């Protein structure tokens, strides 16, 4: 009997990819905190999850085999500019470094949680295969 990883892993496989993409966007914001006219961006997690789940095949790259994952969920389609919470400082940059660091830490914790959930799913699958 074949194992369906989409069903076995649930949403956790999608959350991991989206959290990884968000970490890249947030770190880019932090790195450009002093760049004039840089606009802070963020990932709309709910939109990205809906997009990933609607495809149901997983994470769009070119597939050389029908069994490869679809990586379309990790494209820039879910990245949008963030509405700034502070007034313009005169250089056009909308990055609030404290907000970015806070969001980055929160995202890192949620990434670790997703890894933990995936680990428990794989542990359960290993037990089922071994018959423990």
N, C-alpha and C. Protein backbone atom coordinates (compact mmCIF):
# COMPACT_ATOMS: atom_id res chain seq x y z
N UNK A 1 0.84 -1.17 0.00
CA UNK A 1 0.00 0.00 0.00
C UNK A 1 0.89 1.24 0.00
N UNK A 2 0.57 2.20 -0.88
CA UNK A 2 1.35 3.42 -1.01
C UNK A 2 0.99 4.41 0.10
N UNK A 3 2.00 5.16 0.53
CA UNK A 3 1.80 6.18 1.56
C UNK A 3 1.61 7.53 0.87
N UNK A 4 0.54 8.24 1.20
CA UNK A 4 0.31 9.57 0.68
C UNK A 4 0.89 10.58 1.67
N UNK A 5 2.01 11.19 1.30
CA UNK A 5 2.65 12.14 2.20
C UNK A 5 1.79 13.39 2.41
N UNK A 6 1.01 13.77 1.38
CA UNK A 6 0.13 14.93 1.55
C UNK A 6 -0.86 14.69 2.68
N UNK A 7 -1.42 13.52 2.73
CA UNK A 7 -2.38 13.20 3.78
C UNK A 7 -1.68 12.94 5.11
N UNK A 8 -0.54 12.28 5.08
CA UNK A 8 0.16 11.92 6.31
C UNK A 8 0.75 13.13 7.02
N UNK A 9 1.26 14.10 6.27
CA UNK A 9 1.92 15.25 6.88
C UNK A 9 0.98 16.43 7.10
N UNK A 10 -0.15 16.43 6.44
CA UNK A 10 -1.11 17.52 6.64
C UNK A 10 -0.57 18.86 6.17
N UNK A 11 -0.93 19.90 6.90
CA UNK A 11 -0.54 21.25 6.51
C UNK A 11 0.89 21.60 6.90
N UNK A 12 1.51 20.76 7.73
CA UNK A 12 2.83 21.10 8.27
C UNK A 12 3.91 21.20 7.20
N UNK A 13 3.79 20.42 6.14
CA UNK A 13 4.77 20.52 5.06
C UNK A 13 4.68 21.88 4.37
N UNK A 14 3.49 22.44 4.29
CA UNK A 14 3.30 23.74 3.65
C UNK A 14 3.77 24.87 4.57
N UNK A 15 3.45 24.75 5.85
CA UNK A 15 3.82 25.83 6.77
C UNK A 15 5.33 26.00 6.84
N UNK A 16 6.06 24.91 6.77
CA UNK A 16 7.52 24.99 6.83
C UNK A 16 8.09 25.81 5.68
N UNK A 17 7.60 25.57 4.48
CA UNK A 17 8.06 26.33 3.32
C UNK A 17 7.70 27.80 3.38
N UNK A 18 6.49 28.08 3.84
CA UNK A 18 6.03 29.47 3.94
C UNK A 18 6.80 30.20 5.03
N UNK A 19 7.03 29.55 6.17
CA UNK A 19 7.82 30.17 7.24
C UNK A 19 9.25 30.45 6.77
N UNK A 20 9.81 29.55 5.98
CA UNK A 20 11.15 29.75 5.45
C UNK A 20 11.18 30.96 4.52
N UNK A 21 10.18 31.08 3.66
CA UNK A 21 10.11 32.23 2.75
C UNK A 21 9.95 33.52 3.55
N UNK A 22 9.13 33.49 4.60
CA UNK A 22 8.93 34.69 5.41
C UNK A 22 10.23 35.09 6.11
N UNK A 23 11.00 34.11 6.56
CA UNK A 23 12.28 34.42 7.20
C UNK A 23 13.21 35.15 6.23
N UNK A 24 13.21 34.74 4.96
CA UNK A 24 14.03 35.41 3.95
C UNK A 24 13.58 36.85 3.73
N UNK A 25 12.27 37.06 3.65
CA UNK A 25 11.74 38.41 3.42
C UNK A 25 12.04 39.31 4.61
N UNK A 26 11.84 38.80 5.83
CA UNK A 26 12.09 39.60 7.02
C UNK A 26 13.58 39.92 7.18
N UNK A 27 14.44 38.96 6.87
CA UNK A 27 15.88 39.22 6.98
C UNK A 27 16.32 40.24 5.92
N UNK A 28 15.66 40.24 4.77
CA UNK A 28 15.94 41.24 3.75
C UNK A 28 15.53 42.63 4.24
N UNK A 29 14.40 42.69 4.94
CA UNK A 29 13.97 43.97 5.52
C UNK A 29 14.99 44.47 6.53
N UNK A 30 15.45 43.59 7.40
CA UNK A 30 16.44 43.97 8.42
C UNK A 30 17.74 44.44 7.78
N UNK A 31 18.18 43.73 6.75
CA UNK A 31 19.42 44.09 6.07
C UNK A 31 19.33 45.44 5.37
N UNK A 32 18.13 45.83 4.98
CA UNK A 32 17.93 47.09 4.25
C UNK A 32 17.33 48.19 5.11
N UNK A 33 17.48 48.07 6.41
CA UNK A 33 16.89 49.04 7.33
C UNK A 33 17.41 50.46 7.10
N UNK A 34 18.63 50.60 6.59
CA UNK A 34 19.22 51.92 6.36
C UNK A 34 19.29 52.28 4.88
N UNK A 35 18.66 51.50 4.03
CA UNK A 35 18.68 51.76 2.59
C UNK A 35 17.59 52.78 2.24
N UNK A 36 17.98 53.92 1.66
CA UNK A 36 16.96 54.92 1.31
C UNK A 36 15.94 54.36 0.32
N UNK A 37 14.69 54.70 0.54
CA UNK A 37 13.55 54.35 -0.32
C UNK A 37 13.23 52.85 -0.34
N UNK A 38 13.80 52.07 0.57
CA UNK A 38 13.46 50.65 0.65
C UNK A 38 12.11 50.50 1.34
N UNK A 39 11.24 49.69 0.79
CA UNK A 39 9.92 49.46 1.34
C UNK A 39 9.86 48.08 1.98
N UNK A 40 9.46 48.03 3.24
CA UNK A 40 9.37 46.77 3.98
C UNK A 40 8.30 45.88 3.36
N UNK A 41 8.60 44.59 3.30
CA UNK A 41 7.67 43.61 2.74
C UNK A 41 7.41 42.52 3.77
N UNK A 42 6.36 41.77 3.55
CA UNK A 42 6.04 40.64 4.42
C UNK A 42 5.24 39.62 3.63
N UNK A 43 5.16 38.42 4.17
CA UNK A 43 4.41 37.34 3.55
C UNK A 43 3.04 37.27 4.21
N UNK A 44 2.00 37.23 3.40
CA UNK A 44 0.64 37.04 3.91
C UNK A 44 0.47 35.54 4.14
N UNK A 45 0.63 35.13 5.40
CA UNK A 45 0.64 33.70 5.73
C UNK A 45 -0.68 33.02 5.38
N UNK A 46 -1.79 33.66 5.70
CA UNK A 46 -3.10 33.06 5.42
C UNK A 46 -3.31 32.86 3.93
N UNK A 47 -2.94 33.87 3.13
CA UNK A 47 -3.07 33.76 1.68
C UNK A 47 -2.16 32.67 1.12
N UNK A 48 -0.94 32.59 1.65
CA UNK A 48 0.00 31.57 1.19
C UNK A 48 -0.49 30.17 1.54
N UNK A 49 -1.06 30.00 2.74
CA UNK A 49 -1.59 28.68 3.14
C UNK A 49 -2.77 28.29 2.26
N UNK A 50 -3.67 29.24 2.01
CA UNK A 50 -4.80 28.94 1.14
C UNK A 50 -4.34 28.54 -0.24
N UNK A 51 -3.33 29.24 -0.74
CA UNK A 51 -2.78 28.95 -2.06
C UNK A 51 -2.15 27.55 -2.08
N UNK A 52 -1.39 27.23 -1.04
CA UNK A 52 -0.73 25.92 -0.97
C UNK A 52 -1.74 24.79 -0.83
N UNK A 53 -2.76 24.99 -0.01
CA UNK A 53 -3.75 23.94 0.20
C UNK A 53 -4.67 23.77 -0.99
N UNK A 54 -4.93 24.83 -1.73
CA UNK A 54 -5.81 24.71 -2.89
C UNK A 54 -5.16 23.88 -3.99
N UNK A 55 -3.85 23.90 -4.07
CA UNK A 55 -3.14 23.07 -5.05
C UNK A 55 -3.07 21.63 -4.59
N UNK A 56 -3.08 21.40 -3.30
CA UNK A 56 -3.11 20.10 -2.66
C UNK A 56 -1.95 19.19 -3.04
N UNK A 57 -1.10 19.61 -3.95
CA UNK A 57 0.02 18.76 -4.33
C UNK A 57 1.28 19.10 -3.58
N UNK A 58 1.23 20.11 -2.80
CA UNK A 58 2.41 20.45 -2.04
C UNK A 58 2.95 21.80 -2.38
N UNK A 59 4.24 21.85 -2.28
CA UNK A 59 4.91 23.10 -2.42
C UNK A 59 5.10 23.43 -3.89
N UNK A 60 6.28 26.75 -7.95
CA UNK A 60 6.13 26.01 -9.19
C UNK A 60 7.47 26.01 -9.81
N UNK A 61 8.08 24.91 -9.70
CA UNK A 61 9.28 24.78 -10.48
C UNK A 61 8.95 23.82 -11.61
N UNK A 62 9.87 23.73 -12.55
CA UNK A 62 9.69 22.76 -13.60
C UNK A 62 9.91 21.37 -13.02
N UNK A 63 8.94 20.51 -13.28
CA UNK A 63 9.04 19.15 -12.75
C UNK A 63 9.57 18.23 -13.84
N UNK A 64 10.59 17.47 -13.51
CA UNK A 64 11.12 16.50 -14.46
C UNK A 64 10.50 15.13 -14.26
N UNK A 65 9.73 15.00 -13.19
CA UNK A 65 9.05 13.74 -12.89
C UNK A 65 7.71 14.05 -12.25
N UNK A 66 6.71 13.28 -12.53
CA UNK A 66 5.37 13.54 -11.99
C UNK A 66 5.30 13.39 -10.48
N UNK A 67 6.29 12.78 -9.86
CA UNK A 67 6.28 12.57 -8.42
C UNK A 67 6.98 13.70 -7.66
N UNK A 68 7.54 14.69 -8.36
CA UNK A 68 8.21 15.80 -7.69
C UNK A 68 7.19 16.77 -7.11
N UNK A 69 7.59 17.47 -6.04
CA UNK A 69 6.72 18.46 -5.41
C UNK A 69 6.54 19.67 -6.32
N UNK A 70 5.41 20.33 -6.18
CA UNK A 70 5.13 21.58 -6.87
C UNK A 70 5.53 22.72 -5.96
N UNK A 71 6.51 23.52 -6.35
CA UNK A 71 7.05 24.58 -5.49
C UNK A 71 6.38 25.93 -5.70
N UNK A 72 5.21 25.99 -6.32
CA UNK A 72 4.55 27.27 -6.62
C UNK A 72 4.17 28.04 -5.37
N UNK A 73 3.96 27.35 -4.27
CA UNK A 73 3.56 28.04 -3.03
C UNK A 73 4.66 28.94 -2.51
N UNK A 74 5.90 28.72 -2.94
CA UNK A 74 7.02 29.49 -2.41
C UNK A 74 7.44 30.64 -3.32
N UNK A 75 6.61 30.99 -4.28
CA UNK A 75 6.96 32.10 -5.16
C UNK A 75 6.66 33.42 -4.47
N UNK A 76 6.98 34.51 -5.14
CA UNK A 76 6.81 35.84 -4.57
C UNK A 76 5.36 36.32 -4.62
N UNK A 77 4.41 35.48 -5.05
CA UNK A 77 3.02 35.93 -5.18
C UNK A 77 2.38 36.26 -3.83
N UNK A 78 2.90 35.75 -2.75
CA UNK A 78 2.33 35.99 -1.43
C UNK A 78 3.08 37.07 -0.65
N UNK A 79 4.04 37.71 -1.30
CA UNK A 79 4.82 38.77 -0.66
C UNK A 79 4.22 40.11 -1.05
N UNK A 80 3.97 40.94 -0.04
CA UNK A 80 3.38 42.26 -0.30
C UNK A 80 4.10 43.30 0.54
N UNK A 81 3.96 44.56 0.15
CA UNK A 81 4.55 45.63 0.93
C UNK A 81 3.75 45.83 2.21
N UNK A 82 4.45 46.08 3.29
CA UNK A 82 3.82 46.28 4.58
C UNK A 82 3.44 47.74 4.76
N UNK A 83 2.28 47.97 5.35
CA UNK A 83 1.85 49.34 5.66
C UNK A 83 2.67 49.79 6.88
N UNK A 84 3.40 50.90 6.75
CA UNK A 84 4.27 51.33 7.86
C UNK A 84 3.47 51.81 9.07
N UNK A 85 4.01 51.54 10.25
CA UNK A 85 3.41 51.98 11.51
C UNK A 85 3.98 53.30 11.99
N UNK A 86 5.05 53.75 11.38
CA UNK A 86 5.72 54.97 11.81
C UNK A 86 5.73 55.98 10.67
N UNK A 87 5.84 57.26 10.98
CA UNK A 87 5.90 58.26 9.91
C UNK A 87 7.22 58.16 9.15
N UNK A 88 7.20 58.66 7.95
CA UNK A 88 8.40 58.65 7.11
C UNK A 88 9.50 59.46 7.77
N UNK A 89 10.71 58.88 7.80
CA UNK A 89 11.85 59.55 8.43
C UNK A 89 12.56 60.50 7.49
N UNK A 90 12.06 60.62 6.27
CA UNK A 90 12.65 61.55 5.32
C UNK A 90 13.41 60.88 4.20
N UNK A 91 13.80 59.62 4.39
CA UNK A 91 14.54 58.93 3.34
C UNK A 91 13.68 57.95 2.56
N UNK A 92 12.38 57.84 2.89
CA UNK A 92 11.47 56.95 2.16
C UNK A 92 11.53 55.50 2.58
N UNK A 93 12.34 55.17 3.57
CA UNK A 93 12.46 53.80 4.06
C UNK A 93 11.33 53.51 5.04
N UNK A 94 10.64 52.38 4.87
CA UNK A 94 9.51 52.04 5.75
C UNK A 94 9.82 50.92 6.73
N UNK A 95 11.08 50.57 6.89
CA UNK A 95 11.47 49.48 7.79
C UNK A 95 11.52 49.99 9.23
N UNK A 96 10.77 49.33 10.11
CA UNK A 96 10.85 49.58 11.55
C UNK A 96 11.64 48.40 12.12
N UNK A 97 12.90 48.62 12.47
CA UNK A 97 13.82 47.54 12.84
C UNK A 97 13.30 46.73 14.02
N UNK A 98 12.67 47.38 14.99
CA UNK A 98 12.14 46.64 16.14
C UNK A 98 10.99 45.72 15.73
N UNK A 99 10.13 46.21 14.87
CA UNK A 99 9.02 45.39 14.37
C UNK A 99 9.55 44.20 13.57
N UNK A 100 10.57 44.46 12.75
CA UNK A 100 11.15 43.39 11.92
C UNK A 100 11.81 42.32 12.78
N UNK A 101 12.56 42.75 13.79
CA UNK A 101 13.22 41.78 14.67
C UNK A 101 12.21 40.96 15.44
N UNK A 102 11.16 41.61 15.90
CA UNK A 102 10.10 40.90 16.62
C UNK A 102 9.41 39.89 15.72
N UNK A 103 9.07 40.30 14.50
CA UNK A 103 8.42 39.40 13.55
C UNK A 103 9.35 38.25 13.18
N UNK A 104 10.65 38.54 13.06
CA UNK A 104 11.61 37.49 12.72
C UNK A 104 11.69 36.43 13.83
N UNK A 105 11.74 36.89 15.08
CA UNK A 105 11.80 35.95 16.20
C UNK A 105 10.52 35.12 16.31
N UNK A 106 9.38 35.77 16.13
CA UNK A 106 8.10 35.05 16.16
C UNK A 106 8.06 34.00 15.06
N UNK A 107 8.50 34.38 13.88
CA UNK A 107 8.53 33.45 12.75
C UNK A 107 9.48 32.28 13.02
N UNK A 108 10.62 32.58 13.64
CA UNK A 108 11.59 31.51 13.96
C UNK A 108 10.99 30.51 14.95
N UNK A 109 10.25 31.00 15.93
CA UNK A 109 9.59 30.10 16.88
C UNK A 109 8.53 29.24 16.18
N UNK A 110 7.77 29.85 15.30
CA UNK A 110 6.74 29.11 14.57
C UNK A 110 7.37 28.10 13.60
N UNK A 111 8.52 28.44 13.03
CA UNK A 111 9.25 27.51 12.17
C UNK A 111 9.68 26.28 12.98
N UNK A 112 10.21 26.53 14.19
CA UNK A 112 10.62 25.42 15.06
C UNK A 112 9.43 24.55 15.44
N UNK A 113 8.28 25.17 15.69
CA UNK A 113 7.08 24.40 16.00
C UNK A 113 6.69 23.52 14.81
N UNK A 114 6.75 24.05 13.61
CA UNK A 114 6.41 23.28 12.41
C UNK A 114 7.36 22.10 12.25
N UNK A 115 8.66 22.35 12.53
CA UNK A 115 9.62 21.24 12.48
C UNK A 115 9.29 20.16 13.50
N UNK A 116 8.88 20.59 14.69
CA UNK A 116 8.49 19.64 15.73
C UNK A 116 7.28 18.82 15.33
N UNK A 117 6.29 19.47 14.73
CA UNK A 117 5.11 18.74 14.27
C UNK A 117 5.47 17.73 13.18
N UNK A 118 6.32 18.15 12.23
CA UNK A 118 6.74 17.23 11.18
C UNK A 118 7.54 16.06 11.75
N UNK A 119 8.38 16.34 12.73
CA UNK A 119 9.16 15.29 13.37
C UNK A 119 8.24 14.25 14.02
N UNK A 120 7.20 14.73 14.69
CA UNK A 120 6.28 13.78 15.33
C UNK A 120 5.51 12.99 14.28
N UNK A 121 5.16 13.60 13.16
CA UNK A 121 4.47 12.88 12.08
C UNK A 121 5.37 11.78 11.51
N UNK A 122 6.65 12.13 11.26
CA UNK A 122 7.58 11.13 10.73
C UNK A 122 7.84 10.02 11.75
N UNK A 123 7.92 10.37 13.01
CA UNK A 123 8.11 9.36 14.05
C UNK A 123 6.94 8.39 14.07
N UNK A 124 5.74 8.91 13.96
CA UNK A 124 4.56 8.05 13.91
C UNK A 124 4.55 7.16 12.70
N UNK A 125 4.97 7.70 11.56
CA UNK A 125 5.02 6.89 10.34
C UNK A 125 6.08 5.79 10.46
N UNK A 126 7.23 6.10 11.07
CA UNK A 126 8.27 5.08 11.26
C UNK A 126 7.77 3.96 12.17
N UNK A 127 7.05 4.32 13.23
CA UNK A 127 6.49 3.31 14.12
C UNK A 127 5.49 2.42 13.41
N UNK A 128 4.66 3.01 12.56
CA UNK A 128 3.67 2.25 11.80
C UNK A 128 4.34 1.29 10.83
N UNK A 129 5.42 1.74 10.20
CA UNK A 129 6.13 0.88 9.25
C UNK A 129 6.81 -0.27 9.96
N UNK A 130 7.44 0.03 11.10
CA UNK A 130 8.15 -1.00 11.86
C UNK A 130 7.19 -1.92 12.61
N UNK A 131 6.00 -1.42 12.88
CA UNK A 131 5.03 -2.23 13.62
C UNK A 131 5.24 -2.15 15.13
N UNK A 132 5.81 -1.07 15.62
CA UNK A 132 6.04 -0.92 17.07
C UNK A 132 4.75 -0.74 17.83
